[in-house]
Amino acid sequence: MDIEILKQDKNLVEVRVNSLTIAEVLRAYLHNGGVKFVAWRREHPSKPILFKIESSEKTVKKAVSEAVEAVKKDCDKIAGLLKK
């Protein structure tokens, strides 16, 4: 997966990613995680996704880290249920 940071600040990050799945899962978890604004857009299916995250309560880095940990935790739960 390719990630290119276009703009980075304490409370704002804009990145370019090539995975729609990662962008949508991360958007959903960040949205539930209390960030101020999170969205992605793609000009055309052949172009990469532009992803923007803005936070006011905590740094974007912390919000993304918490969202990734939540995704991992949920994936582990699902894997555990499938092993039964």
C-alpha atoms as a PDB file:
ATOM      1  CA  MET A   1       0.000   0.000   0.000  1.00  0.00           C
ATOM      2  CA  ASP A   2       1.352   3.400  -0.983  1.00  0.00           C
ATOM      3  CA  ILE A   3       0.815   6.419   1.274  1.00  0.00           C
ATOM      4  CA  GLU A   4       1.989   9.914   0.417  1.00  0.00           C
ATOM      5  CA  ILE A   5       1.660  12.714   2.979  1.00  0.00           C
ATOM      6  CA  LEU A   6       0.569  15.884   1.204  1.00  0.00           C
ATOM      7  CA  LYS A   7       0.068  18.138   4.215  1.00  0.00           C
ATOM      8  CA  GLN A   8       0.818  17.512   7.878  1.00  0.00           C
ATOM      9  CA  ASP A   9       0.098  19.637  10.915  1.00  0.00           C
ATOM     10  CA  LYS A  10      -0.729  18.855  14.541  1.00  0.00           C
ATOM     11  CA  ASN A  11      -4.486  18.893  13.899  1.00  0.00           C
ATOM     12  CA  LEU A  12      -4.668  18.377  10.115  1.00  0.00           C
ATOM     13  CA  VAL A  13      -3.330  15.706   7.790  1.00  0.00           C
ATOM     14  CA  GLU A  14      -3.937  15.209   4.080  1.00  0.00           C
ATOM     15  CA  VAL A  15      -2.639  12.025   2.480  1.00  0.00           C
ATOM     16  CA  ARG A  16      -2.879  10.204  -0.812  1.00  0.00           C
ATOM     17  CA  VAL A  17      -3.559   6.446  -0.557  1.00  0.00           C
ATOM     18  CA  ASN A  18      -4.235   3.783  -3.169  1.00  0.00           C
ATOM     19  CA  SER A  19      -6.528   1.508  -1.116  1.00  0.00           C
ATOM     20  CA  LEU A  20     -10.223   2.286  -1.005  1.00  0.00           C
ATOM     21  CA  THR A  21     -10.757  -0.395   1.644  1.00  0.00           C
ATOM     22  CA  ILE A  22      -8.207   1.107   4.025  1.00  0.00           C
ATOM     23  CA  ALA A  23      -9.541   4.617   3.428  1.00  0.00           C
ATOM     24  CA  GLU A  24     -13.157   3.656   4.152  1.00  0.00           C
ATOM     25  CA  VAL A  25     -12.426   1.518   7.222  1.00  0.00           C
ATOM     26  CA  LEU A  26     -10.165   4.194   8.682  1.00  0.00           C
ATOM     27  CA  ARG A  27     -12.746   6.892   7.907  1.00  0.00           C
ATOM     28  CA  ALA A  28     -15.468   4.958   9.727  1.00  0.00           C
ATOM     29  CA  TYR A  29     -13.348   4.306  12.818  1.00  0.00           C
ATOM     30  CA  LEU A  30     -12.054   7.886  12.937  1.00  0.00           C
ATOM     31  CA  HIS A  31     -15.597   9.230  12.559  1.00  0.00           C
ATOM     32  CA  ASN A  32     -16.667   7.193  15.598  1.00  0.00           C
ATOM     33  CA  GLY A  33     -13.462   8.228  17.388  1.00  0.00           C
ATOM     34  CA  GLY A  34     -14.488  11.846  17.726  1.00  0.00           C
ATOM     35  CA  VAL A  35     -12.370  13.661  15.159  1.00  0.00           C
ATOM     36  CA  LYS A  36     -13.625  17.008  13.881  1.00  0.00           C
ATOM     37  CA  PHE A  37     -13.590  16.063  10.173  1.00  0.00           C
ATOM     38  CA  VAL A  38     -12.619  12.976   8.202  1.00  0.00           C
ATOM     39  CA  ALA A  39     -13.342  12.262   4.545  1.00  0.00           C
ATOM     40  CA  TRP A  40     -11.872  10.855   1.381  1.00  0.00           C
ATOM     41  CA  ARG A  41     -12.491  11.549  -2.291  1.00  0.00           C
ATOM     42  CA  ARG A  42     -11.310  10.200  -5.599  1.00  0.00           C
ATOM     43  CA  GLU A  43     -11.481  12.131  -8.831  1.00  0.00           C
ATOM     44  CA  HIS A  44     -11.584   8.964 -10.946  1.00  0.00           C
ATOM     45  CA  PRO A  45     -11.371   5.207 -10.208  1.00  0.00           C
ATOM     46  CA  SER A  46      -7.924   5.103 -11.814  1.00  0.00           C
ATOM     47  CA  LYS A  47      -6.603   7.877  -9.537  1.00  0.00           C
ATOM     48  CA  PRO A  48      -5.456   7.601  -5.899  1.00  0.00           C
ATOM     49  CA  ILE A  49      -7.665   8.584  -2.990  1.00  0.00           C
ATOM     50  CA  LEU A  50      -7.220  11.922  -1.250  1.00  0.00           C
ATOM     51  CA  PHE A  51      -7.852  11.505   2.469  1.00  0.00           C
ATOM     52  CA  LYS A  52      -8.257  14.391   4.939  1.00  0.00           C
ATOM     53  CA  ILE A  53      -8.343  14.170   8.743  1.00  0.00           C
ATOM     54  CA  GLU A  54      -8.891  17.155  11.030  1.00  0.00           C
ATOM     55  CA  SER A  55      -8.993  16.965  14.814  1.00  0.00           C
ATOM     56  CA  SER A  56      -9.533  19.515  17.545  1.00  0.00           C
ATOM     57  CA  GLU A  57      -9.411  17.525  20.798  1.00  0.00           C
ATOM     58  CA  LYS A  58      -6.333  15.371  20.166  1.00  0.00           C
ATOM     59  CA  THR A  59      -3.576  15.230  17.566  1.00  0.00           C
ATOM     60  CA  VAL A  60      -4.343  13.518  14.295  1.00  0.00           C
ATOM     61  CA  LYS A  61      -1.481  11.110  14.923  1.00  0.00           C
ATOM     62  CA  LYS A  62      -3.064   9.989  18.214  1.00  0.00           C
ATOM     63  CA  ALA A  63      -6.527   9.700  16.634  1.00  0.00           C
ATOM     64  CA  VAL A  64      -5.203   7.541  13.776  1.00  0.00           C
ATOM     65  CA  SER A  65      -3.221   5.390  16.202  1.00  0.00           C
ATOM     66  CA  GLU A  66      -6.336   4.803  18.332  1.00  0.00           C
ATOM     67  CA  ALA A  67      -8.421   3.993  15.243  1.00  0.00           C
ATOM     68  CA  VAL A  68      -5.864   1.453  13.995  1.00  0.00           C
ATOM     69  CA  GLU A  69      -5.771  -0.212  17.420  1.00  0.00           C
ATOM     70  CA  ALA A  70      -9.587  -0.399  17.416  1.00  0.00           C
ATOM     71  CA  VAL A  71      -9.536  -2.022  13.958  1.00  0.00           C
ATOM     72  CA  LYS A  72      -6.972  -4.582  15.146  1.00  0.00           C
ATOM     73  CA  LYS A  73      -9.027  -5.350  18.243  1.00  0.00           C
ATOM     74  CA  ASP A  74     -12.204  -5.885  16.216  1.00  0.00           C
ATOM     75  CA  CYS A  75     -10.355  -8.084  13.697  1.00  0.00           C
ATOM     76  CA  ASP A  76      -8.991 -10.206  16.549  1.00  0.00           C
ATOM     77  CA  LYS A  77     -12.540 -10.600  17.930  1.00  0.00           C
ATOM     78  CA  ILE A  78     -13.815 -11.747  14.534  1.00  0.00           C
ATOM     79  CA  ALA A  79     -10.916 -14.156  14.093  1.00  0.00           C
ATOM     80  CA  GLY A  80     -11.618 -15.586  17.549  1.00  0.00           C
ATOM     81  CA  LEU A  81     -15.280 -16.134  16.719  1.00  0.00           C
ATOM     82  CA  LEU A  82     -14.405 -17.885  13.467  1.00  0.00           C
ATOM     83  CA  LYS A  83     -12.074 -20.314  15.256  1.00  0.00           C
ATOM     84  CA  LYS A  84     -14.929 -21.648  17.404  1.00  0.00           C
END
